PDB file of N, CA and C in Angstrom:
ATOM      1  N   MET A   1     -31.865 -63.469  31.619  1.00  0.00           N
ATOM      2  CA  MET A   1     -32.848 -61.805  31.989  1.00  0.00           C
ATOM      3  C   MET A   1     -31.901 -60.956  31.900  1.00  0.00           C
ATOM      4  N   PRO A   2     -33.072 -60.188  31.857  1.00  0.00           N
ATOM      5  CA  PRO A   2     -32.767 -58.481  31.508  1.00  0.00           C
ATOM      6  C   PRO A   2     -32.158 -57.995  33.299  1.00  0.00           C
ATOM      7  N   ILE A   3     -30.859 -57.305  33.022  1.00  0.00           N
ATOM      8  CA  ILE A   3     -30.620 -56.899  34.140  1.00  0.00           C
ATOM      9  C   ILE A   3     -30.868 -55.268  34.452  1.00  0.00           C
ATOM     10  N   TYR A   4     -31.296 -55.812  35.880  1.00  0.00           N
ATOM     11  CA  TYR A   4     -31.600 -53.621  36.185  1.00  0.00           C
ATOM     12  C   TYR A   4     -30.773 -53.496  37.474  1.00  0.00           C
ATOM     13  N   ILE A   5     -30.713 -52.256  37.396  1.00  0.00           N
ATOM     14  CA  ILE A   5     -29.901 -51.293  38.811  1.00  0.00           C
ATOM     15  C   ILE A   5     -30.374 -50.820  39.744  1.00  0.00           C
ATOM     16  N   LEU A   6     -30.396 -50.855  40.960  1.00  0.00           N
ATOM     17  CA  LEU A   6     -31.301 -49.828  41.244  1.00  0.00           C
ATOM     18  C   LEU A   6     -30.342 -49.354  42.854  1.00  0.00           C
ATOM     19  N   ALA A   7     -30.626 -48.044  42.843  1.00  0.00           N
ATOM     20  CA  ALA A   7     -30.070 -46.998  43.505  1.00  0.00           C
ATOM     21  C   ALA A   7     -30.844 -46.216  44.809  1.00  0.00           C
ATOM     22  N   THR A   8     -30.158 -46.996  45.814  1.00  0.00           N
ATOM     23  CA  THR A   8     -31.308 -46.547  46.703  1.00  0.00           C
ATOM     24  C   THR A   8     -30.264 -45.423  47.958  1.00  0.00           C
ATOM     25  N   LYS A   9     -31.413 -44.819  48.280  1.00  0.00           N
ATOM     26  CA  LYS A   9     -30.664 -43.933  49.751  1.00  0.00           C
ATOM     27  C   LYS A   9     -31.729 -43.720  50.936  1.00  0.00           C
ATOM     28  N   LEU A  10     -30.975 -44.134  52.114  1.00  0.00           N
ATOM     29  CA  LEU A  10     -31.694 -44.910  53.216  1.00  0.00           C
ATOM     30  C   LEU A  10     -32.370 -43.492  53.747  1.00  0.00           C
ATOM     31  N   GLN A  11     -33.711 -43.839  54.828  1.00  0.00           N
ATOM     32  CA  GLN A  11     -33.709 -42.482  55.365  1.00  0.00           C
ATOM     33  C   GLN A  11     -33.421 -42.121  56.634  1.00  0.00           C
ATOM     34  N   ASN A  12     -32.720 -42.954  57.227  1.00  0.00           N
ATOM     35  CA  ASN A  12     -31.971 -42.756  58.542  1.00  0.00           C
ATOM     36  C   ASN A  12     -30.230 -43.715  58.504  1.00  0.00           C
ATOM     37  N   PRO A  13     -29.148 -43.247  57.902  1.00  0.00           N
ATOM     38  CA  PRO A  13     -28.090 -43.585  57.691  1.00  0.00           C
ATOM     39  C   PRO A  13     -27.581 -43.361  59.212  1.00  0.00           C
ATOM     40  N   ASP A  14     -28.350 -43.072  60.086  1.00  0.00           N
ATOM     41  CA  ASP A  14     -27.221 -43.026  61.329  1.00  0.00           C
ATOM     42  C   ASP A  14     -27.629 -43.874  62.023  1.00  0.00           C
ATOM     43  N   LEU A  15     -28.169 -45.099  61.268  1.00  0.00           N
ATOM     44  CA  LEU A  15     -28.623 -46.441  62.081  1.00  0.00           C
ATOM     45  C   LEU A  15     -27.914 -47.288  62.043  1.00  0.00           C
ATOM     46  N   PHE A  16     -26.478 -47.071  62.256  1.00  0.00           N
ATOM     47  CA  PHE A  16     -25.445 -48.068  62.376  1.00  0.00           C
ATOM     48  C   PHE A  16     -25.256 -49.189  63.277  1.00  0.00           C
ATOM     49  N   GLU A  17     -25.736 -49.338  64.519  1.00  0.00           N
ATOM     50  CA  GLU A  17     -25.931 -50.650  64.895  1.00  0.00           C
ATOM     51  C   GLU A  17     -27.071 -51.966  64.542  1.00  0.00           C
ATOM     52  N   LYS A  18     -28.630 -51.002  63.743  1.00  0.00           N
ATOM     53  CA  LYS A  18     -29.133 -51.624  62.577  1.00  0.00           C
ATOM     54  C   LYS A  18     -29.315 -52.071  61.713  1.00  0.00           C
ATOM     55  N   ARG A  19     -28.514 -51.287  60.614  1.00  0.00           N
ATOM     56  CA  ARG A  19     -27.822 -51.729  59.468  1.00  0.00           C
ATOM     57  C   ARG A  19     -27.961 -53.156  58.923  1.00  0.00           C
ATOM     58  N   LYS A  20     -26.964 -53.974  59.437  1.00  0.00           N
ATOM     59  CA  LYS A  20     -27.483 -54.906  58.754  1.00  0.00           C
ATOM     60  C   LYS A  20     -28.321 -55.737  59.286  1.00  0.00           C
ATOM     61  N   GLU A  21     -29.318 -55.881  60.005  1.00  0.00           N
ATOM     62  CA  GLU A  21     -30.281 -55.998  60.619  1.00  0.00           C
ATOM     63  C   GLU A  21     -31.469 -55.650  59.546  1.00  0.00           C
ATOM     64  N   GLN A  22     -31.689 -54.589  58.838  1.00  0.00           N
ATOM     65  CA  GLN A  22     -32.010 -54.403  58.062  1.00  0.00           C
ATOM     66  C   GLN A  22     -32.217 -54.631  56.959  1.00  0.00           C
ATOM     67  N   GLY A  23     -30.809 -54.911  56.245  1.00  0.00           N
ATOM     68  CA  GLY A  23     -30.881 -55.414  55.335  1.00  0.00           C
ATOM     69  C   GLY A  23     -31.324 -57.021  54.859  1.00  0.00           C
ATOM     70  N   ASP A  24     -30.306 -58.203  55.831  1.00  0.00           N
ATOM     71  CA  ASP A  24     -30.847 -58.522  55.552  1.00  0.00           C
ATOM     72  C   ASP A  24     -32.458 -58.923  55.708  1.00  0.00           C
ATOM     73  N   LYS A  25     -33.139 -58.155  56.398  1.00  0.00           N
ATOM     74  CA  LYS A  25     -34.603 -58.332  56.747  1.00  0.00           C
ATOM     75  C   LYS A  25     -35.379 -57.573  54.908  1.00  0.00           C
ATOM     76  N   TYR A  26     -34.832 -57.047  54.320  1.00  0.00           N
ATOM     77  CA  TYR A  26     -34.902 -56.900  53.173  1.00  0.00           C
ATOM     78  C   TYR A  26     -34.762 -57.662  52.625  1.00  0.00           C
ATOM     79  N   LEU A  27     -33.279 -58.838  52.272  1.00  0.00           N
ATOM     80  CA  LEU A  27     -33.151 -59.394  51.339  1.00  0.00           C
ATOM     81  C   LEU A  27     -34.538 -60.648  51.352  1.00  0.00           C
ATOM     82  N   LYS A  28     -34.430 -61.018  52.802  1.00  0.00           N
ATOM     83  CA  LYS A  28     -35.663 -62.326  52.986  1.00  0.00           C
ATOM     84  C   LYS A  28     -36.596 -61.755  52.588  1.00  0.00           C
ATOM     85  N   LEU A  29     -37.131 -60.578  52.684  1.00  0.00           N
ATOM     86  CA  LEU A  29     -38.574 -60.465  51.453  1.00  0.00           C
ATOM     87  C   LEU A  29     -38.241 -60.111  50.542  1.00  0.00           C
ATOM     88  N   VAL A  30     -37.221 -59.359  49.815  1.00  0.00           N
ATOM     89  CA  VAL A  30     -36.748 -59.720  48.610  1.00  0.00           C
ATOM     90  C   VAL A  30     -37.049 -61.464  48.073  1.00  0.00           C
ATOM     91  N   ARG A  31     -36.741 -62.148  48.943  1.00  0.00           N
ATOM     92  CA  ARG A  31     -36.755 -63.552  48.267  1.00  0.00           C
ATOM     93  C   ARG A  31     -37.684 -64.255  48.489  1.00  0.00           C
ATOM     94  N   GLU A  32     -38.352 -63.614  49.268  1.00  0.00           N
ATOM     95  CA  GLU A  32     -40.014 -64.125  49.617  1.00  0.00           C
ATOM     96  C   GLU A  32     -40.616 -64.027  48.884  1.00  0.00           C
ATOM     97  N   LYS A  33     -40.534 -62.860  48.724  1.00  0.00           N
ATOM     98  CA  LYS A  33     -41.800 -62.177  47.150  1.00  0.00           C
ATOM     99  C   LYS A  33     -41.090 -62.150  45.766  1.00  0.00           C
ATOM    100  N   VAL A  34     -39.970 -62.021  45.885  1.00  0.00           N
ATOM    101  CA  VAL A  34     -39.585 -62.116  43.964  1.00  0.00           C
ATOM    102  C   VAL A  34     -38.413 -63.216  43.816  1.00  0.00           C
ATOM    103  N   PRO A  35     -38.590 -64.605  44.330  1.00  0.00           N
ATOM    104  CA  PRO A  35     -38.038 -65.581  44.238  1.00  0.00           C
ATOM    105  C   PRO A  35     -36.936 -65.703  42.646  1.00  0.00           C
ATOM    106  N   SER A  36     -37.913 -65.641  42.019  1.00  0.00           N
ATOM    107  CA  SER A  36     -36.813 -65.457  40.138  1.00  0.00           C
ATOM    108  C   SER A  36     -35.831 -64.663  40.504  1.00  0.00           C
ATOM    109  N   ILE A  37     -35.915 -63.722  40.986  1.00  0.00           N
ATOM    110  CA  ILE A  37     -34.807 -62.291  40.684  1.00  0.00           C
ATOM    111  C   ILE A  37     -33.025 -63.220  40.831  1.00  0.00           C
ATOM    112  N   LYS A  38     -32.411 -62.593  40.542  1.00  0.00           N
ATOM    113  CA  LYS A  38     -30.685 -63.645  40.694  1.00  0.00           C
ATOM    114  C   LYS A  38     -30.164 -62.265  40.614  1.00  0.00           C
ATOM    115  N   TRP A  39     -29.546 -61.598  42.529  1.00  0.00           N
ATOM    116  CA  TRP A  39     -28.333 -60.906  42.545  1.00  0.00           C
ATOM    117  C   TRP A  39     -26.961 -61.127  42.027  1.00  0.00           C
ATOM    118  N   ILE A  40     -26.637 -60.278  41.204  1.00  0.00           N
ATOM    119  CA  ILE A  40     -25.499 -60.515  40.724  1.00  0.00           C
ATOM    120  C   ILE A  40     -24.307 -58.922  41.732  1.00  0.00           C
ATOM    121  N   ALA A  41     -24.613 -58.325  42.393  1.00  0.00           N
ATOM    122  CA  ALA A  41     -24.382 -57.517  43.071  1.00  0.00           C
ATOM    123  C   ALA A  41     -24.854 -56.490  43.830  1.00  0.00           C
ATOM    124  N   HIS A  42     -24.146 -56.203  45.128  1.00  0.00           N
ATOM    125  CA  HIS A  42     -25.024 -55.165  46.213  1.00  0.00           C
ATOM    126  C   HIS A  42     -23.864 -54.115  46.500  1.00  0.00           C
ATOM    127  N   TYR A  43     -23.544 -53.083  46.199  1.00  0.00           N
ATOM    128  CA  TYR A  43     -22.393 -52.203  46.814  1.00  0.00           C
ATOM    129  C   TYR A  43     -22.756 -50.729  47.655  1.00  0.00           C
ATOM    130  N   ALA A  44     -22.147 -50.349  48.661  1.00  0.00           N
ATOM    131  CA  ALA A  44     -22.766 -49.051  49.707  1.00  0.00           C
ATOM    132  C   ALA A  44     -21.480 -48.487  49.062  1.00  0.00           C
ATOM    133  N   ILE A  45     -22.292 -47.295  48.799  1.00  0.00           N
ATOM    134  CA  ILE A  45     -21.605 -46.283  47.233  1.00  0.00           C
ATOM    135  C   ILE A  45     -21.058 -44.440  48.478  1.00  0.00           C
ATOM    136  N   LEU A  46     -20.405 -44.249  47.799  1.00  0.00           N
ATOM    137  CA  LEU A  46     -20.524 -42.369  48.045  1.00  0.00           C
ATOM    138  C   LEU A  46     -21.597 -41.387  46.404  1.00  0.00           C
ATOM    139  N   GLY A  47     -21.651 -40.590  47.190  1.00  0.00           N
ATOM    140  CA  GLY A  47     -22.561 -39.800  46.176  1.00  0.00           C
ATOM    141  C   GLY A  47     -24.117 -39.631  46.480  1.00  0.00           C
ATOM    142  N   PRO A  48     -24.750 -39.691  45.566  1.00  0.00           N
ATOM    143  CA  PRO A  48     -25.775 -39.393  46.642  1.00  0.00           C
ATOM    144  C   PRO A  48     -26.608 -40.560  46.534  1.00  0.00           C
ATOM    145  N   TYR A  49     -26.573 -41.881  46.173  1.00  0.00           N
ATOM    146  CA  TYR A  49     -27.408 -42.795  47.002  1.00  0.00           C
ATOM    147  C   TYR A  49     -26.665 -43.212  47.925  1.00  0.00           C
ATOM    148  N   ASP A  50     -27.414 -44.397  48.897  1.00  0.00           N
ATOM    149  CA  ASP A  50     -26.562 -45.390  49.855  1.00  0.00           C
ATOM    150  C   ASP A  50     -25.896 -46.284  49.779  1.00  0.00           C
ATOM    151  N   PHE A  51     -26.574 -47.092  48.310  1.00  0.00           N
ATOM    152  CA  PHE A  51     -26.428 -48.657  48.186  1.00  0.00           C
ATOM    153  C   PHE A  51     -27.010 -48.787  46.601  1.00  0.00           C
ATOM    154  N   ILE A  52     -25.734 -49.267  45.700  1.00  0.00           N
ATOM    155  CA  ILE A  52     -26.292 -49.529  44.350  1.00  0.00           C
ATOM    156  C   ILE A  52     -26.770 -51.037  44.146  1.00  0.00           C
ATOM    157  N   ASP A  53     -28.052 -51.882  44.177  1.00  0.00           N
ATOM    158  CA  ASP A  53     -27.966 -53.718  43.588  1.00  0.00           C
ATOM    159  C   ASP A  53     -28.320 -53.722  42.036  1.00  0.00           C
ATOM    160  N   ILE A  54     -27.223 -54.920  41.429  1.00  0.00           N
ATOM    161  CA  ILE A  54     -27.609 -55.123  40.720  1.00  0.00           C
ATOM    162  C   ILE A  54     -27.745 -56.037  40.873  1.00  0.00           C
ATOM    163  N   PHE A  55     -29.016 -56.677  39.975  1.00  0.00           N
ATOM    164  CA  PHE A  55     -29.656 -58.081  39.271  1.00  0.00           C
ATOM    165  C   PHE A  55     -30.319 -58.174  38.515  1.00  0.00           C
ATOM    166  N   GLU A  56     -30.547 -59.290  37.972  1.00  0.00           N
ATOM    167  CA  GLU A  56     -31.709 -59.867  36.833  1.00  0.00           C
ATOM    168  C   GLU A  56     -33.304 -60.516  37.605  1.00  0.00           C
ATOM    169  N   ALA A  57     -34.219 -60.230  36.463  1.00  0.00           N
ATOM    170  CA  ALA A  57     -35.295 -59.990  37.098  1.00  0.00           C
ATOM    171  C   ALA A  57     -35.840 -60.403  35.564  1.00  0.00           C
ATOM    172  N   GLU A  58     -37.138 -61.549  35.421  1.00  0.00           N
ATOM    173  CA  GLU A  58     -37.418 -61.457  34.512  1.00  0.00           C
ATOM    174  C   GLU A  58     -38.320 -60.499  33.782  1.00  0.00           C
ATOM    175  N   SER A  59     -38.844 -59.900  34.552  1.00  0.00           N
ATOM    176  CA  SER A  59     -39.291 -58.503  33.587  1.00  0.00           C
ATOM    177  C   SER A  59     -38.788 -57.121  34.597  1.00  0.00           C
ATOM    178  N   GLU A  60     -39.935 -56.069  33.952  1.00  0.00           N
ATOM    179  CA  GLU A  60     -39.833 -55.019  34.991  1.00  0.00           C
ATOM    180  C   GLU A  60     -40.709 -54.856  35.342  1.00  0.00           C
ATOM    181  N   GLN A  61     -42.040 -55.740  35.416  1.00  0.00           N
ATOM    182  CA  GLN A  61     -42.836 -55.489  36.957  1.00  0.00           C
ATOM    183  C   GLN A  61     -41.966 -56.548  38.599  1.00  0.00           C
ATOM    184  N   GLU A  62     -41.037 -57.562  37.617  1.00  0.00           N
ATOM    185  CA  GLU A  62     -40.452 -57.589  38.989  1.00  0.00           C
ATOM    186  C   GLU A  62     -39.391 -56.791  39.771  1.00  0.00           C
ATOM    187  N   ALA A  63     -38.305 -56.391  38.610  1.00  0.00           N
ATOM    188  CA  ALA A  63     -37.890 -55.365  38.932  1.00  0.00           C
ATOM    189  C   ALA A  63     -38.790 -53.895  40.048  1.00  0.00           C
ATOM    190  N   ALA A  64     -39.892 -53.629  39.317  1.00  0.00           N
ATOM    191  CA  ALA A  64     -40.502 -52.718  40.229  1.00  0.00           C
ATOM    192  C   ALA A  64     -41.019 -53.430  41.790  1.00  0.00           C
ATOM    193  N   LYS A  65     -40.698 -54.319  41.576  1.00  0.00           N
ATOM    194  CA  LYS A  65     -41.546 -54.825  42.988  1.00  0.00           C
ATOM    195  C   LYS A  65     -39.981 -54.697  44.125  1.00  0.00           C
ATOM    196  N   VAL A  66     -38.830 -55.315  43.408  1.00  0.00           N
ATOM    197  CA  VAL A  66     -37.316 -55.205  43.555  1.00  0.00           C
ATOM    198  C   VAL A  66     -37.342 -53.883  44.348  1.00  0.00           C
ATOM    199  N   SER A  67     -37.597 -52.892  43.471  1.00  0.00           N
ATOM    200  CA  SER A  67     -37.879 -50.895  44.178  1.00  0.00           C
ATOM    201  C   SER A  67     -38.438 -50.592  45.229  1.00  0.00           C
ATOM    202  N   LEU A  68     -39.892 -51.542  45.134  1.00  0.00           N
ATOM    203  CA  LEU A  68     -41.231 -51.308  46.030  1.00  0.00           C
ATOM    204  C   LEU A  68     -40.286 -51.479  47.330  1.00  0.00           C
ATOM    205  N   LEU A  69     -40.301 -53.136  47.420  1.00  0.00           N
ATOM    206  CA  LEU A  69     -39.791 -53.469  48.030  1.00  0.00           C
ATOM    207  C   LEU A  69     -38.507 -52.684  49.768  1.00  0.00           C
ATOM    208  N   SER A  70     -37.408 -52.579  48.681  1.00  0.00           N
ATOM    209  CA  SER A  70     -36.427 -51.473  49.251  1.00  0.00           C
ATOM    210  C   SER A  70     -37.190 -50.261  49.981  1.00  0.00           C
ATOM    211  N   ARG A  71     -38.420 -49.525  49.777  1.00  0.00           N
ATOM    212  CA  ARG A  71     -39.379 -48.836  50.241  1.00  0.00           C
ATOM    213  C   ARG A  71     -39.468 -49.029  51.921  1.00  0.00           C
ATOM    214  N   SER A  72     -40.462 -49.934  51.095  1.00  0.00           N
ATOM    215  CA  SER A  72     -40.824 -50.907  52.159  1.00  0.00           C
ATOM    216  C   SER A  72     -39.648 -50.986  53.560  1.00  0.00           C
ATOM    217  N   ALA A  73     -39.011 -51.087  52.728  1.00  0.00           N
ATOM    218  CA  ALA A  73     -37.684 -51.992  53.766  1.00  0.00           C
ATOM    219  C   ALA A  73     -37.029 -50.045  54.537  1.00  0.00           C
ATOM    220  N   GLY A  74     -37.039 -49.422  54.008  1.00  0.00           N
ATOM    221  CA  GLY A  74     -36.729 -48.635  55.087  1.00  0.00           C
ATOM    222  C   GLY A  74     -35.689 -47.337  54.113  1.00  0.00           C
ATOM    223  N   ALA A  75     -35.871 -47.815  52.667  1.00  0.00           N
ATOM    224  CA  ALA A  75     -35.338 -46.321  51.704  1.00  0.00           C
ATOM    225  C   ALA A  75     -36.132 -45.182  51.525  1.00  0.00           C
ATOM    226  N   SER A  76     -35.447 -44.132  51.873  1.00  0.00           N
ATOM    227  CA  SER A  76     -36.477 -42.930  51.636  1.00  0.00           C
ATOM    228  C   SER A  76     -36.807 -42.760  50.058  1.00  0.00           C
ATOM    229  N   PHE A  77     -35.985 -43.132  49.397  1.00  0.00           N
ATOM    230  CA  PHE A  77     -35.659 -43.073  47.620  1.00  0.00           C
ATOM    231  C   PHE A  77     -34.886 -44.390  46.928  1.00  0.00           C
ATOM    232  N   ALA A  78     -35.824 -44.229  45.543  1.00  0.00           N
ATOM    233  CA  ALA A  78     -35.265 -45.464  44.372  1.00  0.00           C
ATOM    234  C   ALA A  78     -35.493 -45.725  44.065  1.00  0.00           C
ATOM    235  N   GLU A  79     -34.196 -45.384  42.747  1.00  0.00           N
ATOM    236  CA  GLU A  79     -34.655 -45.669  41.297  1.00  0.00           C
ATOM    237  C   GLU A  79     -33.678 -46.640  40.710  1.00  0.00           C
ATOM    238  N   SER A  80     -34.251 -47.013  39.951  1.00  0.00           N
ATOM    239  CA  SER A  80     -34.558 -48.101  38.928  1.00  0.00           C
ATOM    240  C   SER A  80     -33.979 -47.861  37.658  1.00  0.00           C
ATOM    241  N   TRP A  81     -33.113 -48.009  36.506  1.00  0.00           N
ATOM    242  CA  TRP A  81     -32.418 -48.487  36.092  1.00  0.00           C
ATOM    243  C   TRP A  81     -32.209 -50.151  35.062  1.00  0.00           C
ATOM    244  N   THR A  82     -32.406 -49.549  33.608  1.00  0.00           N
ATOM    245  CA  THR A  82     -31.961 -50.963  32.748  1.00  0.00           C
ATOM    246  C   THR A  82     -30.624 -51.412  32.430  1.00  0.00           C
ATOM    247  N   ALA A  83     -30.550 -52.239  32.344  1.00  0.00           N
ATOM    248  CA  ALA A  83     -28.898 -52.354  32.077  1.00  0.00           C
ATOM    249  C   ALA A  83     -28.814 -53.149  30.795  1.00  0.00           C
ATOM    250  N   ILE A  84     -27.823 -52.708  29.661  1.00  0.00           N
ATOM    251  CA  ILE A  84     -27.067 -53.237  28.825  1.00  0.00           C
ATOM    252  C   ILE A  84     -26.391 -54.271  28.588  1.00  0.00           C
ATOM    253  N   PRO A  85     -26.176 -55.024  28.664  1.00  0.00           N
ATOM    254  CA  PRO A  85     -24.461 -55.176  28.223  1.00  0.00           C
ATOM    255  C   PRO A  85     -23.711 -55.025  27.432  1.00  0.00           C
ATOM    256  N   TYR A  86     -22.448 -54.298  27.595  1.00  0.00           N
ATOM    257  CA  TYR A  86     -21.919 -53.940  26.462  1.00  0.00           C
ATOM    258  C   TYR A  86     -22.119 -54.113  24.862  1.00  0.00           C
ATOM    259  N   SER A  87     -21.111 -55.535  25.426  1.00  0.00           N
ATOM    260  CA  SER A  87     -21.084 -56.246  24.003  1.00  0.00           C
ATOM    261  C   SER A  87     -22.592 -56.686  23.418  1.00  0.00           C
ATOM    262  N   ASN A  88     -23.773 -56.644  23.766  1.00  0.00           N
ATOM    263  CA  ASN A  88     -25.319 -56.310  23.360  1.00  0.00           C
ATOM    264  C   ASN A  88     -25.087 -55.142  23.061  1.00  0.00           C
ATOM    265  N   PHE A  89     -24.757 -53.349  23.843  1.00  0.00           N
ATOM    266  CA  PHE A  89     -25.071 -52.477  23.155  1.00  0.00           C
ATOM    267  C   PHE A  89     -23.898 -52.227  21.680  1.00  0.00           C
ATOM    268  N   ILE A  90     -23.152 -53.360  21.780  1.00  0.00           N
ATOM    269  CA  ILE A  90     -22.499 -52.975  20.118  1.00  0.00           C
ATOM    270  C   ILE A  90     -23.231 -53.529  18.802  1.00  0.00           C
ATOM    271  N   LYS A  91     -23.901 -54.719  18.679  1.00  0.00           N
ATOM    272  CA  LYS A  91     -25.053 -55.514  18.340  1.00  0.00           C
ATOM    273  C   LYS A  91     -25.765 -54.884  18.158  1.00  0.00           C
ATOM    274  N   ILE A  92     -26.725 -53.466  19.027  1.00  0.00           N
ATOM    275  CA  ILE A  92     -27.044 -52.400  18.851  1.00  0.00           C
ATOM    276  C   ILE A  92     -26.950 -51.554  17.606  1.00  0.00           C
ATOM    277  N   ILE A  93     -26.156 -51.343  17.994  1.00  0.00           N
ATOM    278  CA  ILE A  93     -25.329 -50.745  16.621  1.00  0.00           C
ATOM    279  C   ILE A  93     -24.694 -50.812  15.118  1.00  0.00           C
ATOM    280  N   GLU A  94     -24.028 -52.575  15.631  1.00  0.00           N
ATOM    281  CA  GLU A  94     -24.409 -53.012  14.282  1.00  0.00           C
ATOM    282  C   GLU A  94     -25.367 -53.429  13.608  1.00  0.00           C
ATOM    283  N   ASP A  95     -25.903 -53.348  14.409  1.00  0.00           N
ATOM    284  CA  ASP A  95     -27.492 -54.058  13.760  1.00  0.00           C
ATOM    285  C   ASP A  95     -27.969 -52.218  12.822  1.00  0.00           C
ATOM    286  N   LEU A  96     -28.060 -51.265  13.418  1.00  0.00           N
ATOM    287  CA  LEU A  96     -27.815 -49.614  12.377  1.00  0.00           C
ATOM    288  C   LEU A  96     -27.601 -49.180  11.641  1.00  0.00           C
ATOM    289  N   LYS A  97     -26.023 -50.176  10.885  1.00  0.00           N
ATOM    290  CA  LYS A  97     -25.294 -49.783  10.004  1.00  0.00           C
ATOM    291  C   LYS A  97     -25.929 -49.705   8.801  1.00  0.00           C
TER     292      LYS A  97
END
C-alpha cells in the first residue's frame, strides 16, 4: 500500500488536560471511517507542526479522509504528502538511466 505522511497543527495546543482524550477520539473516528489504513508511526514534533502521522492507505482518497478527519477532530491545519521508500526511489532512478 502507498505510504502517506500527515502533518497537523492543533487549534488549541494549550489544552493539555484534554489532549489524550482528543487524540483517542480522533483515532477511534479514523478506525471507524477508514478501517483499511495501517498506522506506521505517530510523533509529536517541534517546528511549525504539532504532529506527524505516517500511515499506509489503499488510495489517495483514503489518505484524504484521514486528513479531513484530523481537521474535524481539532486540527487547524493539515497537510498530506506521499512518501516513496528510498529503495523504490533508487529503482526509479535506475529505470531512468
